[in-house]
Amino acid sequence: MSIDISRESLLTLTEAAKTLPTRPAISSLHRWRLRGVRGVKLETALLGGRRVTSREALERFAAAVTNAAEGDPAPVRTPRQRAQEIAAAERKLGIRTQL
């Protein structure tokens, strides 16, 4: 979903950071929009050379990150499982490792 600039309450990223209870750094909001958190990116728009988001986008982002966090955690591989998977991939690719 994208920001509806005619209906949503727009905020600069600086203003958005100030509205959040944890007062994250502006760089955190940029990271949220570029890389995301748990596969969820913060919606933003570029208006007049300034990056903006909205109160509604922040609410959607928080809800989506919370839902993603409450899902099933990714399976954890043991070092032995990882080594076995690497060895299998090397065999498949014909790579010989030297010890």
PDB file of N, CA and C in Angstrom:
ATOM      1  N   MET A   1       0.849  -1.172   0.000  1.00  0.00           N
ATOM      2  CA  MET A   1       0.000   0.000   0.000  1.00  0.00           C
ATOM      3  C   MET A   1       0.895   1.236   0.000  1.00  0.00           C
ATOM      4  N   SER A   2       0.478   2.266  -0.676  1.00  0.00           N
ATOM      5  CA  SER A   2       1.269   3.489  -0.698  1.00  0.00           C
ATOM      6  C   SER A   2       0.536   4.599   0.044  1.00  0.00           C
ATOM      7  N   ILE A   3       1.270   5.634   0.357  1.00  0.00           N
ATOM      8  CA  ILE A   3       0.710   6.759   1.098  1.00  0.00           C
ATOM      9  C   ILE A   3      -0.232   7.548   0.198  1.00  0.00           C
ATOM     10  N   ASP A   4      -1.412   7.854   0.700  1.00  0.00           N
ATOM     11  CA  ASP A   4      -2.377   8.702   0.001  1.00  0.00           C
ATOM     12  C   ASP A   4      -2.134  10.124   0.508  1.00  0.00           C
ATOM     13  N   ILE A   5      -1.378  10.915  -0.261  1.00  0.00           N
ATOM     14  CA  ILE A   5      -0.962  12.237   0.226  1.00  0.00           C
ATOM     15  C   ILE A   5      -2.125  13.202   0.403  1.00  0.00           C
ATOM     16  N   SER A   6      -3.262  12.917  -0.206  1.00  0.00           N
ATOM     17  CA  SER A   6      -4.410  13.813  -0.053  1.00  0.00           C
ATOM     18  C   SER A   6      -5.252  13.492   1.186  1.00  0.00           C
ATOM     19  N   ARG A   7      -5.099  12.298   1.741  1.00  0.00           N
ATOM     20  CA  ARG A   7      -5.944  11.896   2.870  1.00  0.00           C
ATOM     21  C   ARG A   7      -5.187  11.598   4.154  1.00  0.00           C
ATOM     22  N   GLU A   8      -3.894  11.352   4.068  1.00  0.00           N
ATOM     23  CA  GLU A   8      -3.140  10.962   5.259  1.00  0.00           C
ATOM     24  C   GLU A   8      -2.396  12.155   5.848  1.00  0.00           C
ATOM     25  N   SER A   9      -2.096  12.065   7.130  1.00  0.00           N
ATOM     26  CA  SER A   9      -1.386  13.129   7.851  1.00  0.00           C
ATOM     27  C   SER A   9       0.109  12.990   7.594  1.00  0.00           C
ATOM     28  N   LEU A  10       0.637  13.816   6.705  1.00  0.00           N
ATOM     29  CA  LEU A  10       2.037  13.704   6.308  1.00  0.00           C
ATOM     30  C   LEU A  10       2.971  14.265   7.376  1.00  0.00           C
ATOM     31  N   LEU A  11       4.128  13.604   7.494  1.00  0.00           N
ATOM     32  CA  LEU A  11       5.175  14.010   8.429  1.00  0.00           C
ATOM     33  C   LEU A  11       6.520  13.852   7.740  1.00  0.00           C
ATOM     34  N   THR A  12       7.436  14.776   8.002  1.00  0.00           N
ATOM     35  CA  THR A  12       8.807  14.529   7.567  1.00  0.00           C
ATOM     36  C   THR A  12       9.337  13.396   8.437  1.00  0.00           C
ATOM     37  N   LEU A  13      10.446  12.804   8.047  1.00  0.00           N
ATOM     38  CA  LEU A  13      10.991  11.723   8.864  1.00  0.00           C
ATOM     39  C   LEU A  13      11.438  12.239  10.228  1.00  0.00           C
ATOM     40  N   THR A  14      11.894  13.484  10.285  1.00  0.00           N
ATOM     41  CA  THR A  14      12.266  14.087  11.569  1.00  0.00           C
ATOM     42  C   THR A  14      11.045  14.203  12.469  1.00  0.00           C
ATOM     43  N   GLU A  15       9.943  14.690  11.909  1.00  0.00           N
ATOM     44  CA  GLU A  15       8.704  14.805  12.684  1.00  0.00           C
ATOM     45  C   GLU A  15       8.192  13.425  13.100  1.00  0.00           C
ATOM     46  N   ALA A  16       8.301  12.474  12.188  1.00  0.00           N
ATOM     47  CA  ALA A  16       7.832  11.118  12.484  1.00  0.00           C
ATOM     48  C   ALA A  16       8.609  10.520  13.655  1.00  0.00           C
ATOM     49  N   ALA A  17       9.918  10.713  13.664  1.00  0.00           N
ATOM     50  CA  ALA A  17      10.735  10.183  14.761  1.00  0.00           C
ATOM     51  C   ALA A  17      10.311  10.783  16.097  1.00  0.00           C
ATOM     52  N   LYS A  18       9.957  12.062  16.090  1.00  0.00           N
ATOM     53  CA  LYS A  18       9.555  12.733  17.333  1.00  0.00           C
ATOM     54  C   LYS A  18       8.203  12.252  17.840  1.00  0.00           C
ATOM     55  N   THR A  19       7.360  11.724  16.957  1.00  0.00           N
ATOM     56  CA  THR A  19       6.040  11.261  17.389  1.00  0.00           C
ATOM     57  C   THR A  19       6.081   9.866  18.006  1.00  0.00           C
ATOM     58  N   LEU A  20       7.153   9.134  17.752  1.00  0.00           N
ATOM     59  CA  LEU A  20       7.242   7.765  18.263  1.00  0.00           C
ATOM     60  C   LEU A  20       7.731   7.767  19.712  1.00  0.00           C
ATOM     61  N   PRO A  21       7.207   6.884  20.539  1.00  0.00           N
ATOM     62  CA  PRO A  21       7.564   6.895  21.959  1.00  0.00           C
ATOM     63  C   PRO A  21       9.033   6.598  22.242  1.00  0.00           C
ATOM     64  N   THR A  22       9.693   5.847  21.378  1.00  0.00           N
ATOM     65  CA  THR A  22      11.096   5.505  21.621  1.00  0.00           C
ATOM     66  C   THR A  22      12.070   6.526  21.059  1.00  0.00           C
ATOM     67  N   ARG A  23      11.572   7.514  20.318  1.00  0.00           N
ATOM     68  CA  ARG A  23      12.404   8.553  19.698  1.00  0.00           C
ATOM     69  C   ARG A  23      13.599   7.964  18.930  1.00  0.00           C
ATOM     70  N   PRO A  24      13.326   7.161  17.900  1.00  0.00           N
ATOM     71  CA  PRO A  24      14.440   6.579  17.141  1.00  0.00           C
ATOM     72  C   PRO A  24      15.206   7.653  16.372  1.00  0.00           C
ATOM     73  N   ALA A  25      16.435   7.339  16.036  1.00  0.00           N
ATOM     74  CA  ALA A  25      17.244   8.246  15.220  1.00  0.00           C
ATOM     75  C   ALA A  25      16.654   8.300  13.812  1.00  0.00           C
ATOM     76  N   ILE A  26      16.887   9.399  13.125  1.00  0.00           N
ATOM     77  CA  ILE A  26      16.398   9.552  11.748  1.00  0.00           C
ATOM     78  C   ILE A  26      16.970   8.433  10.874  1.00  0.00           C
ATOM     79  N   SER A  27      18.207   8.044  11.150  1.00  0.00           N
ATOM     80  CA  SER A  27      18.817   6.970  10.360  1.00  0.00           C
ATOM     81  C   SER A  27      18.031   5.668  10.495  1.00  0.00           C
ATOM     82  N   SER A  28      17.393   5.455  11.638  1.00  0.00           N
ATOM     83  CA  SER A  28      16.565   4.253  11.809  1.00  0.00           C
ATOM     84  C   SER A  28      15.377   4.282  10.861  1.00  0.00           C
ATOM     85  N   LEU A  29      14.731   5.434  10.737  1.00  0.00           N
ATOM     86  CA  LEU A  29      13.592   5.537   9.824  1.00  0.00           C
ATOM     87  C   LEU A  29      14.030   5.328   8.377  1.00  0.00           C
ATOM     88  N   HIS A  30      15.205   5.854   8.025  1.00  0.00           N
ATOM     89  CA  HIS A  30      15.727   5.622   6.670  1.00  0.00           C
ATOM     90  C   HIS A  30      16.004   4.135   6.464  1.00  0.00           C
ATOM     91  N   ARG A  31      16.562   3.477   7.470  1.00  0.00           N
ATOM     92  CA  ARG A  31      16.820   2.040   7.374  1.00  0.00           C
ATOM     93  C   ARG A  31      15.499   1.272   7.242  1.00  0.00           C
ATOM     94  N   TRP A  32      14.485   1.687   8.004  1.00  0.00           N
ATOM     95  CA  TRP A  32      13.177   1.019   7.924  1.00  0.00           C
ATOM     96  C   TRP A  32      12.585   1.156   6.529  1.00  0.00           C
ATOM     97  N   ARG A  33      12.775   2.311   5.877  1.00  0.00           N
ATOM     98  CA  ARG A  33      12.188   2.495   4.547  1.00  0.00           C
ATOM     99  C   ARG A  33      13.007   1.796   3.466  1.00  0.00           C
ATOM    100  N   LEU A  34      14.318   1.692   3.653  1.00  0.00           N
ATOM    101  CA  LEU A  34      15.174   1.078   2.640  1.00  0.00           C
ATOM    102  C   LEU A  34      15.286  -0.438   2.794  1.00  0.00           C
ATOM    103  N   ARG A  35      15.616  -0.896   3.987  1.00  0.00           N
ATOM    104  CA  ARG A  35      15.845  -2.323   4.213  1.00  0.00           C
ATOM    105  C   ARG A  35      14.660  -3.024   4.863  1.00  0.00           C
ATOM    106  N   GLY A  36      13.915  -2.253   5.651  1.00  0.00           N
ATOM    107  CA  GLY A  36      12.773  -2.836   6.340  1.00  0.00           C
ATOM    108  C   GLY A  36      13.157  -3.531   7.633  1.00  0.00           C
ATOM    109  N   VAL A  37      12.136  -4.001   8.318  1.00  0.00           N
ATOM    110  CA  VAL A  37      12.283  -4.749   9.564  1.00  0.00           C
ATOM    111  C   VAL A  37      11.412  -5.990   9.430  1.00  0.00           C
ATOM    112  N   ARG A  38      12.026  -7.161   9.581  1.00  0.00           N
ATOM    113  CA  ARG A  38      11.288  -8.426   9.457  1.00  0.00           C
ATOM    114  C   ARG A  38      10.525  -8.512   8.139  1.00  0.00           C
ATOM    115  N   GLY A  39      11.131  -7.970   7.081  1.00  0.00           N
ATOM    116  CA  GLY A  39      10.519  -8.034   5.757  1.00  0.00           C
ATOM    117  C   GLY A  39       9.480  -6.966   5.479  1.00  0.00           C
ATOM    118  N   VAL A  40       9.318  -6.012   6.390  1.00  0.00           N
ATOM    119  CA  VAL A  40       8.315  -4.956   6.238  1.00  0.00           C
ATOM    120  C   VAL A  40       9.030  -3.619   6.087  1.00  0.00           C
ATOM    121  N   LYS A  41       8.680  -2.857   5.045  1.00  0.00           N
ATOM    122  CA  LYS A  41       9.291  -1.543   4.828  1.00  0.00           C
ATOM    123  C   LYS A  41       8.320  -0.428   5.185  1.00  0.00           C
ATOM    124  N   LEU A  42       8.873   0.653   5.730  1.00  0.00           N
ATOM    125  CA  LEU A  42       8.079   1.838   6.045  1.00  0.00           C
ATOM    126  C   LEU A  42       7.740   2.553   4.742  1.00  0.00           C
ATOM    127  N   GLU A  43       6.474   2.859   4.558  1.00  0.00           N
ATOM    128  CA  GLU A  43       6.032   3.570   3.358  1.00  0.00           C
ATOM    129  C   GLU A  43       6.459   5.035   3.455  1.00  0.00           C
ATOM    130  N   THR A  44       7.012   5.554   2.362  1.00  0.00           N
ATOM    131  CA  THR A  44       7.391   6.963   2.291  1.00  0.00           C
ATOM    132  C   THR A  44       7.082   7.486   0.899  1.00  0.00           C
ATOM    133  N   ALA A  45       7.141   8.807   0.781  1.00  0.00           N
ATOM    134  CA  ALA A  45       6.988   9.463  -0.518  1.00  0.00           C
ATOM    135  C   ALA A  45       8.013  10.585  -0.577  1.00  0.00           C
ATOM    136  N   LEU A  46       8.374  10.977  -1.769  1.00  0.00           N
ATOM    137  CA  LEU A  46       9.310  12.074  -1.966  1.00  0.00           C
ATOM    138  C   LEU A  46       8.525  13.263  -2.500  1.00  0.00           C
ATOM    139  N   LEU A  47       8.446  14.323  -1.703  1.00  0.00           N
ATOM    140  CA  LEU A  47       7.703  15.525  -2.080  1.00  0.00           C
ATOM    141  C   LEU A  47       8.613  16.733  -1.984  1.00  0.00           C
ATOM    142  N   GLY A  48       8.801  17.405  -3.089  1.00  0.00           N
ATOM    143  CA  GLY A  48       9.635  18.601  -3.081  1.00  0.00           C
ATOM    144  C   GLY A  48      11.044  18.343  -2.599  1.00  0.00           C
ATOM    145  N   GLY A  49      11.566  17.176  -2.886  1.00  0.00           N
ATOM    146  CA  GLY A  49      12.924  16.841  -2.476  1.00  0.00           C
ATOM    147  C   GLY A  49      13.037  16.393  -1.029  1.00  0.00           C
ATOM    148  N   ARG A  50      11.919  16.291  -0.329  1.00  0.00           N
ATOM    149  CA  ARG A  50      11.936  15.850   1.072  1.00  0.00           C
ATOM    150  C   ARG A  50      11.201  14.524   1.201  1.00  0.00           C
ATOM    151  N   ARG A  51      11.763  13.649   1.983  1.00  0.00           N
ATOM    152  CA  ARG A  51      11.159  12.340   2.219  1.00  0.00           C
ATOM    153  C   ARG A  51      10.124  12.484   3.330  1.00  0.00           C
ATOM    154  N   VAL A  52       8.898  12.029   3.057  1.00  0.00           N
ATOM    155  CA  VAL A  52       7.826  12.106   4.049  1.00  0.00           C
ATOM    156  C   VAL A  52       7.190  10.733   4.236  1.00  0.00           C
ATOM    157  N   THR A  53       6.548  10.580   5.370  1.00  0.00           N
ATOM    158  CA  THR A  53       5.731   9.413   5.656  1.00  0.00           C
ATOM    159  C   THR A  53       4.435   9.945   6.246  1.00  0.00           C
ATOM    160  N   SER A  54       3.650   9.106   6.858  1.00  0.00           N
ATOM    161  CA  SER A  54       2.402   9.577   7.465  1.00  0.00           C
ATOM    162  C   SER A  54       2.163   8.850   8.781  1.00  0.00           C
ATOM    163  N   ARG A  55       1.306   9.434   9.595  1.00  0.00           N
ATOM    164  CA  ARG A  55       0.930   8.771  10.857  1.00  0.00           C
ATOM    165  C   ARG A  55       0.314   7.407  10.554  1.00  0.00           C
ATOM    166  N   GLU A  56      -0.503   7.370   9.525  1.00  0.00           N
ATOM    167  CA  GLU A  56      -1.163   6.125   9.147  1.00  0.00           C
ATOM    168  C   GLU A  56      -0.149   5.083   8.665  1.00  0.00           C
ATOM    169  N   ALA A  57       0.864   5.530   7.912  1.00  0.00           N
ATOM    170  CA  ALA A  57       1.900   4.607   7.440  1.00  0.00           C
ATOM    171  C   ALA A  57       2.695   4.050   8.618  1.00  0.00           C
ATOM    172  N   LEU A  58       2.959   4.896   9.617  1.00  0.00           N
ATOM    173  CA  LEU A  58       3.654   4.427  10.819  1.00  0.00           C
ATOM    174  C   LEU A  58       2.820   3.377  11.545  1.00  0.00           C
ATOM    175  N   GLU A  59       1.513   3.593  11.614  1.00  0.00           N
ATOM    176  CA  GLU A  59       0.629   2.623  12.263  1.00  0.00           C
ATOM    177  C   GLU A  59       0.607   1.305  11.493  1.00  0.00           C
ATOM    178  N   ARG A  60       0.533   1.386  10.152  1.00  0.00           N
ATOM    179  CA  ARG A  60       0.546   0.165   9.334  1.00  0.00           C
ATOM    180  C   ARG A  60       1.865  -0.578   9.507  1.00  0.00           C
ATOM    181  N   PHE A  61       2.974   0.181   9.531  1.00  0.00           N
ATOM    182  CA  PHE A  61       4.302  -0.405   9.691  1.00  0.00           C
ATOM    183  C   PHE A  61       4.397  -1.132  11.033  1.00  0.00           C
ATOM    184  N   ALA A  62       3.984  -0.472  12.107  1.00  0.00           N
ATOM    185  CA  ALA A  62       4.055  -1.081  13.439  1.00  0.00           C
ATOM    186  C   ALA A  62       3.207  -2.350  13.502  1.00  0.00           C
ATOM    187  N   ALA A  63       2.019  -2.305  12.935  1.00  0.00           N
ATOM    188  CA  ALA A  63       1.140  -3.479  12.946  1.00  0.00           C
ATOM    189  C   ALA A  63       1.749  -4.630  12.148  1.00  0.00           C
ATOM    190  N   ALA A  64       2.315  -4.327  10.987  1.00  0.00           N
ATOM    191  CA  ALA A  64       2.897  -5.372  10.139  1.00  0.00           C
ATOM    192  C   ALA A  64       4.139  -5.984  10.776  1.00  0.00           C
ATOM    193  N   VAL A  65       4.989  -5.152  11.396  1.00  0.00           N
ATOM    194  CA  VAL A  65       6.192  -5.666  12.062  1.00  0.00           C
ATOM    195  C   VAL A  65       5.789  -6.540  13.248  1.00  0.00           C
ATOM    196  N   THR A  66       4.788  -6.111  13.987  1.00  0.00           N
ATOM    197  CA  THR A  66       4.304  -6.904  15.121  1.00  0.00           C
ATOM    198  C   THR A  66       3.779  -8.252  14.647  1.00  0.00           C
ATOM    199  N   ASN A  67       2.987  -8.252  13.588  1.00  0.00           N
ATOM    200  CA  ASN A  67       2.470  -9.514  13.039  1.00  0.00           C
ATOM    201  C   ASN A  67       3.602 -10.422  12.578  1.00  0.00           C
ATOM    202  N   ALA A  68       4.616  -9.842  11.941  1.00  0.00           N
ATOM    203  CA  ALA A  68       5.754 -10.634  11.467  1.00  0.00           C
ATOM    204  C   ALA A  68       6.533 -11.216  12.644  1.00  0.00           C
ATOM    205  N   ALA A  69       6.657 -10.450  13.715  1.00  0.00           N
ATOM    206  CA  ALA A  69       7.411 -10.910  14.880  1.00  0.00           C
ATOM    207  C   ALA A  69       6.686 -12.032  15.616  1.00  0.00           C
ATOM    208  N   GLU A  70       5.372 -12.038  15.553  1.00  0.00           N
ATOM    209  CA  GLU A  70       4.597 -13.046  16.270  1.00  0.00           C
ATOM    210  C   GLU A  70       4.440 -14.340  15.484  1.00  0.00           C
ATOM    211  N   GLY A  71       4.923 -14.358  14.258  1.00  0.00           N
ATOM    212  CA  GLY A  71       4.847 -15.571  13.442  1.00  0.00           C
ATOM    213  C   GLY A  71       5.862 -16.599  13.903  1.00  0.00           C
ATOM    214  N   ASP A  72       5.941 -17.691  13.168  1.00  0.00           N
ATOM    215  CA  ASP A  72       6.888 -18.746  13.507  1.00  0.00           C
ATOM    216  C   ASP A  72       8.311 -18.258  13.301  1.00  0.00           C
ATOM    217  N   PRO A  73       9.203 -18.500  14.265  1.00  0.00           N
ATOM    218  CA  PRO A  73      10.593 -18.090  14.087  1.00  0.00           C
ATOM    219  C   PRO A  73      11.277 -18.955  13.030  1.00  0.00           C
ATOM    220  N   ALA A  74      12.296 -18.395  12.423  1.00  0.00           N
ATOM    221  CA  ALA A  74      13.056 -19.139  11.422  1.00  0.00           C
ATOM    222  C   ALA A  74      13.778 -20.299  12.104  1.00  0.00           C
ATOM    223  N   PRO A  75      13.852 -21.445  11.442  1.00  0.00           N
ATOM    224  CA  PRO A  75      14.548 -22.577  12.062  1.00  0.00           C
ATOM    225  C   PRO A  75      16.036 -22.272  12.219  1.00  0.00           C
ATOM    226  N   VAL A  76      16.595 -22.729  13.313  1.00  0.00           N
ATOM    227  CA  VAL A  76      18.011 -22.495  13.597  1.00  0.00           C
ATOM    228  C   VAL A  76      18.781 -23.750  13.228  1.00  0.00           C
ATOM    229  N   ARG A  77      19.832 -23.563  12.417  1.00  0.00           N
ATOM    230  CA  ARG A  77      20.670 -24.697  12.030  1.00  0.00           C
ATOM    231  C   ARG A  77      21.813 -24.837  13.024  1.00  0.00           C
ATOM    232  N   THR A  78      22.140 -26.066  13.336  1.00  0.00           N
ATOM    233  CA  THR A  78      23.298 -26.313  14.187  1.00  0.00           C
ATOM    234  C   THR A  78      24.549 -26.182  13.324  1.00  0.00           C
ATOM    235  N   PRO A  79      25.712 -25.983  13.946  1.00  0.00           N
ATOM    236  CA  PRO A  79      26.950 -25.919  13.152  1.00  0.00           C
ATOM    237  C   PRO A  79      27.166 -27.189  12.324  1.00  0.00           C
ATOM    238  N   ARG A  80      26.789 -28.337  12.881  1.00  0.00           N
ATOM    239  CA  ARG A  80      26.963 -29.587  12.139  1.00  0.00           C
ATOM    240  C   ARG A  80      26.058 -29.619  10.906  1.00  0.00           C
ATOM    241  N   GLN A  81      24.795 -29.185  11.045  1.00  0.00           N
ATOM    242  CA  GLN A  81      23.879 -29.146   9.900  1.00  0.00           C
ATOM    243  C   GLN A  81      24.413 -28.209   8.827  1.00  0.00           C
ATOM    244  N   ARG A  82      24.916 -27.066   9.255  1.00  0.00           N
ATOM    245  CA  ARG A  82      25.463 -26.093   8.301  1.00  0.00           C
ATOM    246  C   ARG A  82      26.646 -26.693   7.545  1.00  0.00           C
ATOM    247  N   ALA A  83      27.558 -27.355   8.266  1.00  0.00           N
ATOM    248  CA  ALA A  83      28.726 -27.969   7.632  1.00  0.00           C
ATOM    249  C   ALA A  83      28.298 -29.047   6.637  1.00  0.00           C
ATOM    250  N   GLN A  84      27.278 -29.833   6.997  1.00  0.00           N
ATOM    251  CA  GLN A  84      26.790 -30.871   6.089  1.00  0.00           C
ATOM    252  C   GLN A  84      26.183 -30.264   4.829  1.00  0.00           C
ATOM    253  N   GLU A  85      25.435 -29.176   4.980  1.00  0.00           N
ATOM    254  CA  GLU A  85      24.837 -28.507   3.822  1.00  0.00           C
ATOM    255  C   GLU A  85      25.911 -27.905   2.916  1.00  0.00           C
ATOM    256  N   ILE A  86      26.951 -27.354   3.514  1.00  0.00           N
ATOM    257  CA  ILE A  86      28.057 -26.792   2.726  1.00  0.00           C
ATOM    258  C   ILE A  86      28.764 -27.901   1.957  1.00  0.00           C
ATOM    259  N   ALA A  87      29.040 -29.019   2.637  1.00  0.00           N
ATOM    260  CA  ALA A  87      29.714 -30.145   1.978  1.00  0.00           C
ATOM    261  C   ALA A  87      28.870 -30.681   0.823  1.00  0.00           C
ATOM    262  N   ALA A  88      27.570 -30.786   1.022  1.00  0.00           N
ATOM    263  CA  ALA A  88      26.685 -31.271  -0.045  1.00  0.00           C
ATOM    264  C   ALA A  88      26.687 -30.313  -1.231  1.00  0.00           C
ATOM    265  N   ALA A  89      26.665 -29.019  -0.963  1.00  0.00           N
ATOM    266  CA  ALA A  89      26.687 -28.028  -2.041  1.00  0.00           C
ATOM    267  C   ALA A  89      28.009 -28.075  -2.792  1.00  0.00           C
ATOM    268  N   GLU A  90      29.115 -28.240  -2.066  1.00  0.00           N
ATOM    269  CA  GLU A  90      30.426 -28.333  -2.715  1.00  0.00           C
ATOM    270  C   GLU A  90      30.503 -29.566  -3.607  1.00  0.00           C
ATOM    271  N   ARG A  91      29.982 -30.695  -3.124  1.00  0.00           N
ATOM    272  CA  ARG A  91      29.974 -31.913  -3.949  1.00  0.00           C
ATOM    273  C   ARG A  91      29.150 -31.694  -5.209  1.00  0.00           C
ATOM    274  N   LYS A  92      28.002 -31.060  -5.053  1.00  0.00           N
ATOM    275  CA  LYS A  92      27.118 -30.816  -6.198  1.00  0.00           C
ATOM    276  C   LYS A  92      27.794 -29.920  -7.231  1.00  0.00           C
ATOM    277  N   LEU A  93      28.574 -28.952  -6.758  1.00  0.00           N
ATOM    278  CA  LEU A  93      29.258 -28.023  -7.658  1.00  0.00           C
ATOM    279  C   LEU A  93      30.612 -28.543  -8.129  1.00  0.00           C
ATOM    280  N   GLY A  94      31.042 -29.667  -7.580  1.00  0.00           N
ATOM    281  CA  GLY A  94      32.325 -30.232  -7.968  1.00  0.00           C
ATOM    282  C   GLY A  94      33.508 -29.503  -7.363  1.00  0.00           C
ATOM    283  N   ILE A  95      33.306 -28.894  -6.230  1.00  0.00           N
ATOM    284  CA  ILE A  95      34.377 -28.159  -5.553  1.00  0.00           C
ATOM    285  C   ILE A  95      35.048 -29.092  -4.559  1.00  0.00           C
ATOM    286  N   ARG A  96      36.370 -29.125  -4.620  1.00  0.00           N
ATOM    287  CA  ARG A  96      37.130 -29.936  -3.670  1.00  0.00           C
ATOM    288  C   ARG A  96      37.774 -28.998  -2.665  1.00  0.00           C
ATOM    289  N   THR A  97      37.525 -29.264  -1.421  1.00  0.00           N
ATOM    290  CA  THR A  97      38.124 -28.425  -0.380  1.00  0.00           C
ATOM    291  C   THR A  97      39.418 -29.056   0.085  1.00  0.00           C
ATOM    292  N   GLN A  98      40.399 -28.218   0.317  1.00  0.00           N
ATOM    293  CA  GLN A  98      41.693 -28.694   0.800  1.00  0.00           C
ATOM    294  C   GLN A  98      41.813 -28.347   2.274  1.00  0.00           C
ATOM    295  N   LEU A  99      42.224 -29.301   3.050  1.00  0.00           N
ATOM    296  CA  LEU A  99      42.397 -29.077   4.485  1.00  0.00           C
ATOM    297  C   LEU A  99      43.821 -28.893   4.846  1.00  0.00           C
TER     298      LEU A  99
END
